[in-house]
């Protein structure tokens, strides 16, 4: 496989990952037409269709009737390799790191807006699938406790993060 084709394939899949795409999501056509393709050198531009055809043949993407490039289920599994324990561990670490960043004491909460409007939307689809499990695990371990629409740090949680 030509290096130009490989580069384009990697770029396309990286863009899906960057936008936290799920199966069925499309790459913004404006990004392709106005940002990505114009930056390719002539050799890469000539290889663009070959790269797209290869991604289609591997069932990682599909092109719909409007010529939009869509991520398939297989493509989603490819860009977000699943190790459930690693994903849960990452989310647990992120939550406890946020408490540490806030210099939280026992009973302090993570702002519900941060949790629901900033953190959760930043997760990729596979991470979103295990988010609740990670929170439940932290609660079961006694590191955090539910508090209204958010979570609060427990005494045990304080000793864990400091």
N, C-alpha and C. Protein backbone atom coordinates (compact mmCIF):
# COMPACT_ATOMS: atom_id res chain seq x y z
N UNK A 1 0.85 -1.18 0.00
CA UNK A 1 0.00 0.00 0.00
C UNK A 1 0.90 1.25 0.00
N UNK A 2 0.54 2.18 -0.83
CA UNK A 2 1.31 3.42 -0.93
C UNK A 2 1.20 4.22 0.37
N UNK A 3 2.26 4.91 0.70
CA UNK A 3 2.27 5.69 1.94
C UNK A 3 1.21 6.79 1.91
N UNK A 4 0.93 7.33 0.73
CA UNK A 4 -0.09 8.38 0.61
C UNK A 4 -1.47 7.83 0.97
N UNK A 5 -1.75 6.62 0.51
CA UNK A 5 -3.04 5.99 0.79
C UNK A 5 -3.16 5.73 2.29
N UNK A 6 -2.12 5.20 2.88
CA UNK A 6 -2.11 4.90 4.32
C UNK A 6 -2.32 6.18 5.13
N UNK A 7 -1.63 7.26 4.74
CA UNK A 7 -1.76 8.53 5.44
C UNK A 7 -3.20 9.04 5.39
N UNK A 8 -3.82 8.98 4.23
CA UNK A 8 -5.19 9.46 4.08
C UNK A 8 -6.15 8.61 4.91
N UNK A 9 -5.95 7.29 4.86
CA UNK A 9 -6.80 6.40 5.66
C UNK A 9 -6.67 6.73 7.14
N UNK A 10 -5.45 6.89 7.59
CA UNK A 10 -5.22 7.22 9.01
C UNK A 10 -5.85 8.56 9.37
N UNK A 11 -5.73 9.54 8.48
CA UNK A 11 -6.31 10.87 8.73
C UNK A 11 -7.84 10.80 8.83
N UNK A 12 -8.46 10.06 7.93
CA UNK A 12 -9.92 9.95 7.93
C UNK A 12 -10.40 9.29 9.22
N UNK A 13 -9.76 8.19 9.59
CA UNK A 13 -10.16 7.50 10.82
C UNK A 13 -9.85 8.35 12.05
N UNK A 14 -8.77 9.09 12.03
CA UNK A 14 -8.43 9.98 13.14
C UNK A 14 -9.47 11.09 13.29
N UNK A 15 -9.99 11.58 12.17
CA UNK A 15 -11.02 12.62 12.23
C UNK A 15 -12.28 12.09 12.89
N UNK A 16 -12.66 10.85 12.53
CA UNK A 16 -13.83 10.25 13.19
C UNK A 16 -13.58 10.16 14.70
N UNK A 17 -12.40 9.75 15.08
CA UNK A 17 -12.07 9.61 16.49
C UNK A 17 -12.07 10.98 17.18
N UNK A 18 -11.53 11.99 16.51
CA UNK A 18 -11.47 13.34 17.06
C UNK A 18 -12.85 13.88 17.38
N UNK A 19 -13.83 13.56 16.55
CA UNK A 19 -15.19 14.07 16.77
C UNK A 19 -16.03 13.10 17.60
N UNK A 20 -15.38 12.08 18.19
CA UNK A 20 -16.08 11.08 19.01
C UNK A 20 -17.26 10.46 18.27
N UNK A 21 -17.03 10.12 17.02
CA UNK A 21 -18.09 9.60 16.17
C UNK A 21 -18.53 8.21 16.59
N UNK A 22 -19.80 7.95 16.38
CA UNK A 22 -20.38 6.63 16.56
C UNK A 22 -20.69 6.09 15.17
N UNK A 23 -21.06 4.82 15.11
CA UNK A 23 -21.45 4.23 13.83
C UNK A 23 -22.58 5.05 13.23
N UNK A 24 -22.47 5.38 11.96
CA UNK A 24 -23.48 6.16 11.27
C UNK A 24 -23.17 7.65 11.20
N UNK A 25 -22.23 8.12 12.02
CA UNK A 25 -21.86 9.53 11.95
C UNK A 25 -21.04 9.80 10.68
N UNK A 26 -21.17 11.01 10.18
CA UNK A 26 -20.44 11.39 8.96
C UNK A 26 -19.32 12.37 9.30
N UNK A 27 -18.30 12.34 8.48
CA UNK A 27 -17.26 13.37 8.58
C UNK A 27 -17.87 14.63 7.98
N UNK A 28 -17.70 15.75 8.65
CA UNK A 28 -18.27 16.98 8.09
C UNK A 28 -17.76 17.23 6.66
N UNK A 29 -18.65 17.25 5.68
CA UNK A 29 -18.23 17.44 4.29
C UNK A 29 -17.43 18.73 4.09
N UNK A 30 -17.77 19.76 4.83
CA UNK A 30 -17.03 21.03 4.69
C UNK A 30 -15.57 20.86 5.12
N UNK A 31 -15.34 20.04 6.15
CA UNK A 31 -13.97 19.79 6.59
C UNK A 31 -13.19 19.12 5.47
N UNK A 32 -13.80 18.13 4.84
CA UNK A 32 -13.13 17.44 3.74
C UNK A 32 -12.83 18.40 2.59
N UNK A 33 -13.86 19.10 2.14
CA UNK A 33 -13.73 19.94 0.95
C UNK A 33 -12.92 21.22 1.15
N UNK A 34 -13.05 21.82 2.33
CA UNK A 34 -12.43 23.13 2.54
C UNK A 34 -11.14 23.10 3.36
N UNK A 35 -10.97 22.06 4.14
CA UNK A 35 -9.80 22.01 5.02
C UNK A 35 -8.84 20.88 4.62
N UNK A 36 -9.36 19.67 4.59
CA UNK A 36 -8.47 18.52 4.44
C UNK A 36 -7.90 18.35 3.03
N UNK A 37 -8.77 18.19 2.05
CA UNK A 37 -8.30 17.90 0.68
C UNK A 37 -7.39 19.00 0.13
N UNK A 38 -7.71 20.28 0.33
CA UNK A 38 -6.81 21.32 -0.18
C UNK A 38 -5.39 21.28 0.41
N UNK A 39 -5.25 20.71 1.61
CA UNK A 39 -3.93 20.64 2.23
C UNK A 39 -3.10 19.45 1.73
N UNK A 40 -3.74 18.54 1.02
CA UNK A 40 -3.00 17.39 0.50
C UNK A 40 -2.13 17.82 -0.68
N UNK A 41 -0.98 17.20 -0.79
CA UNK A 41 -0.14 17.50 -1.95
C UNK A 41 -0.75 16.78 -3.16
N UNK A 42 -0.33 17.10 -4.38
CA UNK A 42 -0.94 16.51 -5.59
C UNK A 42 -0.91 14.97 -5.59
N UNK A 43 0.16 14.38 -5.11
CA UNK A 43 0.26 12.92 -5.08
C UNK A 43 -0.78 12.34 -4.11
N UNK A 44 -0.96 13.02 -2.98
CA UNK A 44 -1.95 12.57 -2.00
C UNK A 44 -3.36 12.77 -2.54
N UNK A 45 -3.59 13.90 -3.21
CA UNK A 45 -4.92 14.15 -3.78
C UNK A 45 -5.27 13.06 -4.80
N UNK A 46 -4.28 12.63 -5.57
CA UNK A 46 -4.52 11.57 -6.55
C UNK A 46 -4.81 10.22 -5.87
N UNK A 47 -4.39 10.06 -4.62
CA UNK A 47 -4.58 8.81 -3.89
C UNK A 47 -5.83 8.82 -3.02
N UNK A 48 -6.52 9.95 -2.96
CA UNK A 48 -7.67 10.08 -2.06
C UNK A 48 -8.74 9.02 -2.34
N UNK A 49 -9.15 8.89 -3.58
CA UNK A 49 -10.21 7.92 -3.92
C UNK A 49 -9.79 6.49 -3.60
N UNK A 50 -8.51 6.17 -3.85
CA UNK A 50 -8.01 4.83 -3.55
C UNK A 50 -8.10 4.54 -2.05
N UNK A 51 -7.79 5.54 -1.24
CA UNK A 51 -7.87 5.38 0.22
C UNK A 51 -9.31 5.16 0.65
N UNK A 52 -10.21 5.95 0.11
CA UNK A 52 -11.63 5.81 0.45
C UNK A 52 -12.13 4.43 0.02
N UNK A 53 -11.77 4.00 -1.19
CA UNK A 53 -12.18 2.68 -1.67
C UNK A 53 -11.67 1.57 -0.77
N UNK A 54 -10.44 1.71 -0.28
CA UNK A 54 -9.88 0.68 0.60
C UNK A 54 -10.64 0.65 1.92
N UNK A 55 -10.94 1.82 2.49
CA UNK A 55 -11.70 1.87 3.74
C UNK A 55 -13.09 1.26 3.56
N UNK A 56 -13.69 1.47 2.40
CA UNK A 56 -15.00 0.87 2.10
C UNK A 56 -14.85 -0.65 1.98
N UNK A 57 -13.82 -1.10 1.27
CA UNK A 57 -13.63 -2.55 1.09
C UNK A 57 -13.38 -3.26 2.41
N UNK A 58 -12.79 -2.56 3.38
CA UNK A 58 -12.55 -3.13 4.71
C UNK A 58 -13.77 -2.95 5.63
N UNK A 59 -14.83 -2.34 5.10
CA UNK A 59 -16.07 -2.09 5.82
C UNK A 59 -15.86 -1.19 7.05
N UNK A 60 -14.89 -0.28 6.97
CA UNK A 60 -14.65 0.66 8.06
C UNK A 60 -15.49 1.93 7.87
N UNK A 61 -15.77 2.24 6.62
CA UNK A 61 -16.63 3.38 6.28
C UNK A 61 -17.59 2.96 5.18
N UNK A 62 -18.57 3.81 4.94
CA UNK A 62 -19.44 3.67 3.77
C UNK A 62 -19.74 5.07 3.26
N UNK A 63 -20.12 5.16 2.01
CA UNK A 63 -20.47 6.44 1.41
C UNK A 63 -21.96 6.39 1.10
N UNK A 64 -22.70 7.37 1.61
CA UNK A 64 -24.14 7.37 1.39
C UNK A 64 -24.51 8.02 0.06
N UNK A 65 -25.80 8.11 -0.20
CA UNK A 65 -26.28 8.64 -1.49
C UNK A 65 -25.92 10.11 -1.70
N UNK A 66 -25.63 10.83 -0.62
CA UNK A 66 -25.23 12.24 -0.73
C UNK A 66 -23.72 12.39 -0.77
N UNK A 67 -23.01 11.27 -0.90
CA UNK A 67 -21.55 11.24 -0.95
C UNK A 67 -20.89 11.58 0.39
N UNK A 68 -21.64 11.42 1.49
CA UNK A 68 -21.07 11.62 2.81
C UNK A 68 -20.31 10.36 3.23
N UNK A 69 -19.19 10.53 3.89
CA UNK A 69 -18.41 9.41 4.39
C UNK A 69 -18.89 9.11 5.81
N UNK A 70 -19.44 7.89 5.99
CA UNK A 70 -20.02 7.49 7.28
C UNK A 70 -19.20 6.38 7.92
N UNK A 71 -19.08 6.45 9.22
CA UNK A 71 -18.40 5.42 9.99
C UNK A 71 -19.32 4.22 10.16
N UNK A 72 -18.78 3.02 9.98
CA UNK A 72 -19.56 1.80 10.19
C UNK A 72 -19.33 1.29 11.61
N UNK A 73 -20.09 0.28 12.01
CA UNK A 73 -19.90 -0.35 13.33
C UNK A 73 -18.49 -0.93 13.40
N UNK A 74 -18.04 -1.59 12.34
CA UNK A 74 -16.69 -2.16 12.33
C UNK A 74 -15.65 -1.04 12.43
N UNK A 75 -15.91 0.08 11.77
CA UNK A 75 -15.01 1.23 11.85
C UNK A 75 -14.95 1.80 13.26
N UNK A 76 -16.10 1.85 13.92
CA UNK A 76 -16.14 2.34 15.30
C UNK A 76 -15.33 1.41 16.21
N UNK A 77 -15.50 0.11 16.04
CA UNK A 77 -14.74 -0.84 16.85
C UNK A 77 -13.24 -0.73 16.57
N UNK A 78 -12.90 -0.38 15.34
CA UNK A 78 -11.49 -0.25 14.96
C UNK A 78 -10.84 0.98 15.61
N UNK A 79 -11.54 2.12 15.60
CA UNK A 79 -10.92 3.34 16.13
C UNK A 79 -11.00 3.44 17.65
N UNK A 80 -11.91 2.68 18.25
CA UNK A 80 -12.02 2.65 19.71
C UNK A 80 -11.84 1.21 20.19
N UNK A 81 -10.61 0.72 20.22
CA UNK A 81 -10.41 -0.65 20.70
C UNK A 81 -10.94 -0.78 22.13
N UNK A 82 -11.57 -1.90 22.41
CA UNK A 82 -12.25 -2.05 23.69
C UNK A 82 -11.44 -2.91 24.65
N UNK A 83 -11.09 -2.32 25.76
CA UNK A 83 -10.62 -3.04 26.93
C UNK A 83 -11.42 -2.40 28.05
N UNK A 84 -12.52 -3.01 28.41
CA UNK A 84 -13.46 -2.43 29.35
C UNK A 84 -12.79 -2.00 30.65
N UNK A 85 -11.92 -2.84 31.18
CA UNK A 85 -11.26 -2.48 32.44
C UNK A 85 -10.41 -1.23 32.30
N UNK A 86 -9.73 -1.08 31.16
CA UNK A 86 -8.93 0.14 30.93
C UNK A 86 -9.83 1.36 30.85
N UNK A 87 -10.96 1.23 30.15
CA UNK A 87 -11.87 2.37 30.01
C UNK A 87 -12.44 2.78 31.36
N UNK A 88 -12.84 1.80 32.15
CA UNK A 88 -13.37 2.10 33.48
C UNK A 88 -12.28 2.75 34.33
N UNK A 89 -11.07 2.24 34.25
CA UNK A 89 -9.96 2.81 35.00
C UNK A 89 -9.67 4.24 34.61
N UNK A 90 -9.76 4.54 33.32
CA UNK A 90 -9.53 5.90 32.83
C UNK A 90 -10.58 6.86 33.39
N UNK A 91 -11.83 6.45 33.35
CA UNK A 91 -12.92 7.30 33.84
C UNK A 91 -12.79 7.51 35.35
N UNK A 92 -12.51 6.45 36.07
CA UNK A 92 -12.31 6.55 37.53
C UNK A 92 -11.19 7.55 37.83
N UNK A 93 -10.09 7.44 37.11
CA UNK A 93 -8.95 8.33 37.31
C UNK A 93 -9.34 9.78 36.99
N UNK A 94 -10.05 9.98 35.89
CA UNK A 94 -10.48 11.33 35.51
C UNK A 94 -11.35 11.96 36.61
N UNK A 95 -12.27 11.19 37.15
CA UNK A 95 -13.17 11.71 38.19
C UNK A 95 -12.38 12.07 39.44
N UNK A 96 -11.52 11.17 39.87
CA UNK A 96 -10.74 11.45 41.09
C UNK A 96 -9.75 12.60 40.85
N UNK A 97 -9.20 12.67 39.65
CA UNK A 97 -8.31 13.80 39.31
C UNK A 97 -9.07 15.13 39.37
N UNK A 98 -10.33 15.12 38.96
CA UNK A 98 -11.12 16.36 39.00
C UNK A 98 -11.32 16.80 40.45
N UNK A 99 -11.61 15.85 41.33
CA UNK A 99 -11.72 16.21 42.75
C UNK A 99 -10.41 16.81 43.25
N UNK A 100 -9.28 16.19 42.88
CA UNK A 100 -7.97 16.70 43.30
C UNK A 100 -7.74 18.10 42.74
N UNK A 101 -8.08 18.29 41.47
CA UNK A 101 -7.91 19.61 40.82
C UNK A 101 -8.72 20.69 41.54
N UNK A 102 -9.87 20.30 42.07
CA UNK A 102 -10.74 21.24 42.79
C UNK A 102 -10.33 21.42 44.25
N UNK A 103 -9.24 20.73 44.66
CA UNK A 103 -8.82 20.74 46.06
C UNK A 103 -9.98 20.38 46.98
N UNK A 104 -10.72 19.36 46.57
CA UNK A 104 -11.95 18.98 47.27
C UNK A 104 -11.65 18.36 48.63
N UNK A 105 -12.57 18.63 49.54
CA UNK A 105 -12.57 18.02 50.87
C UNK A 105 -13.77 17.07 50.92
N UNK A 106 -13.87 16.37 52.03
CA UNK A 106 -15.01 15.46 52.20
C UNK A 106 -16.32 16.24 52.04
N UNK A 107 -17.22 15.70 51.25
CA UNK A 107 -18.52 16.34 51.04
C UNK A 107 -18.57 17.30 49.87
N UNK A 108 -17.41 17.70 49.35
CA UNK A 108 -17.40 18.58 48.17
C UNK A 108 -17.87 17.80 46.95
N UNK A 109 -18.53 18.52 46.05
CA UNK A 109 -19.09 17.88 44.85
C UNK A 109 -18.35 18.33 43.60
N UNK A 110 -18.46 17.51 42.58
CA UNK A 110 -18.03 17.93 41.24
C UNK A 110 -19.22 18.67 40.65
N UNK A 111 -19.02 19.85 40.10
CA UNK A 111 -20.15 20.58 39.51
C UNK A 111 -20.90 19.71 38.49
N UNK A 112 -22.21 19.65 38.66
CA UNK A 112 -23.03 18.83 37.77
C UNK A 112 -22.88 19.26 36.32
N UNK A 113 -22.72 20.56 36.10
CA UNK A 113 -22.55 21.05 34.73
C UNK A 113 -21.27 20.52 34.10
N UNK A 114 -20.19 20.48 34.88
CA UNK A 114 -18.93 19.94 34.34
C UNK A 114 -19.12 18.48 33.98
N UNK A 115 -19.75 17.74 34.86
CA UNK A 115 -19.93 16.31 34.64
C UNK A 115 -20.79 16.03 33.41
N UNK A 116 -21.91 16.74 33.29
CA UNK A 116 -22.86 16.43 32.21
C UNK A 116 -22.64 17.21 30.92
N UNK A 117 -22.07 18.40 31.01
CA UNK A 117 -21.93 19.23 29.81
C UNK A 117 -20.51 19.29 29.25
N UNK A 118 -19.53 18.98 30.07
CA UNK A 118 -18.14 19.05 29.61
C UNK A 118 -17.51 17.66 29.56
N UNK A 119 -17.51 16.97 30.70
CA UNK A 119 -16.80 15.69 30.75
C UNK A 119 -17.49 14.59 29.93
N UNK A 120 -18.76 14.33 30.22
CA UNK A 120 -19.44 13.22 29.54
C UNK A 120 -19.44 13.38 28.01
N UNK A 121 -19.74 14.57 27.47
CA UNK A 121 -19.70 14.72 26.01
C UNK A 121 -18.30 14.52 25.41
N UNK A 122 -17.25 14.67 26.23
CA UNK A 122 -15.90 14.49 25.71
C UNK A 122 -15.51 13.03 25.57
N UNK A 123 -16.31 12.14 26.13
CA UNK A 123 -16.01 10.71 26.07
C UNK A 123 -16.35 10.15 24.70
N UNK A 124 -15.58 9.15 24.27
CA UNK A 124 -15.94 8.50 23.02
C UNK A 124 -17.07 7.51 23.29
N UNK A 125 -17.72 6.98 22.26
CA UNK A 125 -18.88 6.11 22.46
C UNK A 125 -18.60 4.90 23.36
N UNK A 126 -17.45 4.30 23.25
CA UNK A 126 -17.12 3.14 24.08
C UNK A 126 -16.97 3.54 25.55
N UNK A 127 -16.40 4.73 25.80
CA UNK A 127 -16.26 5.21 27.17
C UNK A 127 -17.63 5.54 27.76
N UNK A 128 -18.52 6.10 26.94
CA UNK A 128 -19.87 6.41 27.42
C UNK A 128 -20.61 5.15 27.86
N UNK A 129 -20.33 4.03 27.18
CA UNK A 129 -20.98 2.76 27.52
C UNK A 129 -20.63 2.30 28.93
N UNK A 130 -19.42 2.62 29.41
CA UNK A 130 -18.99 2.14 30.73
C UNK A 130 -18.95 3.25 31.79
N UNK A 131 -19.37 4.44 31.43
CA UNK A 131 -19.34 5.57 32.36
C UNK A 131 -20.10 5.26 33.66
N UNK A 132 -21.33 4.79 33.54
CA UNK A 132 -22.14 4.50 34.74
C UNK A 132 -21.48 3.43 35.60
N UNK A 133 -20.91 2.43 34.97
CA UNK A 133 -20.22 1.36 35.70
C UNK A 133 -19.05 1.92 36.49
N UNK A 134 -18.29 2.82 35.91
CA UNK A 134 -17.15 3.43 36.60
C UNK A 134 -17.61 4.22 37.82
N UNK A 135 -18.69 4.98 37.67
CA UNK A 135 -19.23 5.75 38.80
C UNK A 135 -19.75 4.80 39.88
N UNK A 136 -20.46 3.76 39.46
CA UNK A 136 -20.97 2.77 40.42
C UNK A 136 -19.83 2.12 41.20
N UNK A 137 -18.74 1.80 40.52
CA UNK A 137 -17.58 1.20 41.18
C UNK A 137 -17.00 2.13 42.23
N UNK A 138 -16.88 3.42 41.90
CA UNK A 138 -16.35 4.40 42.85
C UNK A 138 -17.27 4.52 44.07
N UNK A 139 -18.57 4.46 43.84
CA UNK A 139 -19.54 4.52 44.94
C UNK A 139 -19.42 3.27 45.80
N UNK A 140 -19.37 2.10 45.16
CA UNK A 140 -19.26 0.84 45.90
C UNK A 140 -17.98 0.79 46.75
N UNK A 141 -16.91 1.36 46.25
CA UNK A 141 -15.65 1.39 47.00
C UNK A 141 -15.66 2.44 48.10
N UNK A 142 -16.68 3.28 48.12
CA UNK A 142 -16.79 4.29 49.16
C UNK A 142 -15.94 5.51 48.92
N UNK A 143 -15.46 5.71 47.69
CA UNK A 143 -14.62 6.88 47.38
C UNK A 143 -15.47 8.11 47.10
N UNK A 144 -16.65 7.89 46.55
CA UNK A 144 -17.59 8.97 46.26
C UNK A 144 -18.98 8.52 46.70
N UNK A 145 -19.89 9.46 46.73
CA UNK A 145 -21.29 9.16 47.05
C UNK A 145 -22.17 10.01 46.14
N UNK A 146 -23.38 9.52 45.86
CA UNK A 146 -24.29 10.34 45.05
C UNK A 146 -24.71 11.60 45.83
N UNK A 147 -24.91 12.69 45.09
CA UNK A 147 -25.35 13.94 45.69
C UNK A 147 -26.18 14.70 44.67
N UNK A 148 -27.48 14.70 44.86
CA UNK A 148 -28.40 15.34 43.92
C UNK A 148 -28.11 14.90 42.49
N UNK A 149 -27.73 15.83 41.61
CA UNK A 149 -27.47 15.49 40.20
C UNK A 149 -26.01 15.24 39.93
N UNK A 150 -25.23 15.01 40.99
CA UNK A 150 -23.78 14.86 40.80
C UNK A 150 -23.24 13.85 41.81
N UNK A 151 -21.96 13.98 42.12
CA UNK A 151 -21.31 13.09 43.07
C UNK A 151 -20.47 13.92 44.03
N UNK A 152 -20.28 13.37 45.24
CA UNK A 152 -19.47 14.08 46.23
C UNK A 152 -18.36 13.16 46.73
N UNK A 153 -17.32 13.79 47.22
CA UNK A 153 -16.16 13.07 47.72
C UNK A 153 -16.41 12.61 49.14
N UNK A 154 -16.01 11.38 49.45
CA UNK A 154 -16.15 10.85 50.81
C UNK A 154 -14.84 10.99 51.55
N UNK A 155 -14.85 10.67 52.83
CA UNK A 155 -13.62 10.71 53.64
C UNK A 155 -12.58 9.75 53.05
N UNK A 156 -13.03 8.56 52.67
CA UNK A 156 -12.11 7.59 52.06
C UNK A 156 -11.55 8.13 50.75
N UNK A 157 -12.37 8.84 49.99
CA UNK A 157 -11.92 9.44 48.75
C UNK A 157 -10.84 10.49 48.97
N UNK A 158 -11.00 11.28 50.04
CA UNK A 158 -10.01 12.30 50.38
C UNK A 158 -8.66 11.64 50.63
N UNK A 159 -8.65 10.55 51.39
CA UNK A 159 -7.38 9.87 51.70
C UNK A 159 -6.79 9.23 50.46
N UNK A 160 -7.60 8.89 49.51
CA UNK A 160 -7.11 8.27 48.28
C UNK A 160 -6.43 9.27 47.35
N UNK A 161 -6.97 10.48 47.26
CA UNK A 161 -6.44 11.44 46.28
C UNK A 161 -5.32 12.33 46.81
N UNK A 162 -5.16 12.41 48.12
CA UNK A 162 -4.09 13.27 48.65
C UNK A 162 -3.04 12.46 49.35
